[in-house]
Amino acid sequence: MAEICDVCGEPLGENNVSRCLICGGRFHMAWSIDAPVKNCGQAWFDERSCSLGFICTPCISENPQLRRSLIDTGGTPF
């Protein structure tokens, strides 16, 4: 049985999956610019720790202060 994306409810594949730094949910996230998958979240840069992470779309909506640190990955947004 396939695992389901916590954002869109569609099955997750073996690749192009990330875990949200805020809620811990798993979601679709393209790991290359030509990956045939929609992004159900975005990459995020934490300036304090100089680290990269991933945040799902619902958590971005609930935490608008994070928008200034989002990274445009150029993928297809959800």
Foldseek 3Di string as FASTA:
>chain_A
DFDAFPQPRHGDDPDQWFAAPPPRTIHGHDPDQPDPTEAQWFWFADPVVRDIGIHGPVVCVVPVVRVVGTDCPNGHYD
